[in-house]
Amino acid sequence: MTDKLLTPDSVKERLGVSKTTLYNWAREKINLQPRKIGKQYRYKESDVNRFINGGGK
């Protein structure tokens, strides 16, 4: 099974945080870390689900 890749907009909606917060987490290497695909950032759905269920830092 392949993991679905989510856009920052869909992740921010799921988590109820701003896009700025997502980018700050990435820059500071805390919580969710996106993957760069070409010129765009994407989040693995399994990582987002793990974070929601308490598996984040």
C-alpha atoms as a PDB file:
ATOM      1  CA  MET A   1       0.000   0.000   0.000  1.00  0.00           C
ATOM      2  CA  THR A   2       1.370   3.385  -0.956  1.00  0.00           C
ATOM      3  CA  ASP A   3       1.190   6.284   1.419  1.00  0.00           C
ATOM      4  CA  LYS A   4      -0.869   9.199   0.146  1.00  0.00           C
ATOM      5  CA  LEU A   5       1.028  12.493  -0.057  1.00  0.00           C
ATOM      6  CA  LEU A   6      -0.778  15.495   1.373  1.00  0.00           C
ATOM      7  CA  THR A   7      -0.353  19.173   0.579  1.00  0.00           C
ATOM      8  CA  PRO A   8       0.486  21.653   3.327  1.00  0.00           C
ATOM      9  CA  ASP A   9      -3.018  23.139   2.905  1.00  0.00           C
ATOM     10  CA  SER A  10      -4.716  19.803   3.603  1.00  0.00           C
ATOM     11  CA  VAL A  11      -2.429  19.123   6.579  1.00  0.00           C
ATOM     12  CA  LYS A  12      -3.084  22.540   8.135  1.00  0.00           C
ATOM     13  CA  GLU A  13      -6.829  21.923   7.802  1.00  0.00           C
ATOM     14  CA  ARG A  14      -6.566  18.504   9.488  1.00  0.00           C
ATOM     15  CA  LEU A  15      -4.454  19.843  12.335  1.00  0.00           C
ATOM     16  CA  GLY A  16      -6.080  23.240  12.754  1.00  0.00           C
ATOM     17  CA  VAL A  17      -2.770  25.092  12.511  1.00  0.00           C
ATOM     18  CA  SER A  18      -1.527  27.757  10.134  1.00  0.00           C
ATOM     19  CA  LYS A  19       0.745  27.109   7.180  1.00  0.00           C
ATOM     20  CA  THR A  20       3.316  29.273   8.964  1.00  0.00           C
ATOM     21  CA  THR A  21       3.272  26.861  11.906  1.00  0.00           C
ATOM     22  CA  LEU A  22       3.920  23.913   9.576  1.00  0.00           C
ATOM     23  CA  TYR A  23       6.854  25.729   7.982  1.00  0.00           C
ATOM     24  CA  ASN A  24       8.235  26.741  11.387  1.00  0.00           C
ATOM     25  CA  TRP A  25       8.077  23.098  12.539  1.00  0.00           C
ATOM     26  CA  ALA A  26       9.927  22.030   9.397  1.00  0.00           C
ATOM     27  CA  ARG A  27      12.580  24.729   9.815  1.00  0.00           C
ATOM     28  CA  GLU A  28      13.089  23.913  13.502  1.00  0.00           C
ATOM     29  CA  LYS A  29      12.929  20.151  12.820  1.00  0.00           C
ATOM     30  CA  ILE A  30      10.074  19.547  15.267  1.00  0.00           C
ATOM     31  CA  ASN A  31       6.841  17.626  14.784  1.00  0.00           C
ATOM     32  CA  LEU A  32       5.925  16.809  11.180  1.00  0.00           C
ATOM     33  CA  GLN A  33       8.600  16.931   8.515  1.00  0.00           C
ATOM     34  CA  PRO A  34       7.587  17.337   4.869  1.00  0.00           C
ATOM     35  CA  ARG A  35       9.271  15.721   1.901  1.00  0.00           C
ATOM     36  CA  LYS A  36      10.294  17.831  -1.050  1.00  0.00           C
ATOM     37  CA  ILE A  37       8.891  16.468  -4.293  1.00  0.00           C
ATOM     38  CA  GLY A  38      10.274  18.560  -7.141  1.00  0.00           C
ATOM     39  CA  LYS A  39       9.630  22.120  -6.011  1.00  0.00           C
ATOM     40  CA  GLN A  40       6.735  21.284  -3.707  1.00  0.00           C
ATOM     41  CA  TYR A  41       6.496  20.025  -0.143  1.00  0.00           C
ATOM     42  CA  ARG A  42       4.284  17.072   0.729  1.00  0.00           C
ATOM     43  CA  TYR A  43       3.489  15.228   3.952  1.00  0.00           C
ATOM     44  CA  LYS A  44       3.024  11.473   4.226  1.00  0.00           C
ATOM     45  CA  GLU A  45      -0.515  10.709   5.357  1.00  0.00           C
ATOM     46  CA  SER A  46       0.755   8.057   7.785  1.00  0.00           C
ATOM     47  CA  ASP A  47       3.010  10.665   9.463  1.00  0.00           C
ATOM     48  CA  VAL A  48       0.068  13.057   9.833  1.00  0.00           C
ATOM     49  CA  ASN A  49      -2.150  10.315  11.272  1.00  0.00           C
ATOM     50  CA  ARG A  50       0.606   9.262  13.695  1.00  0.00           C
ATOM     51  CA  PHE A  51       0.997  12.879  14.819  1.00  0.00           C
ATOM     52  CA  ILE A  52      -2.763  13.247  15.342  1.00  0.00           C
ATOM     53  CA  ASN A  53      -2.824  10.038  17.406  1.00  0.00           C
ATOM     54  CA  GLY A  54      -0.102  11.284  19.741  1.00  0.00           C
ATOM     55  CA  GLY A  55       2.987   9.943  18.014  1.00  0.00           C
ATOM     56  CA  GLY A  56       4.468  13.401  17.351  1.00  0.00           C
ATOM     57  CA  LYS A  57       7.237  15.064  19.306  1.00  0.00           C
END
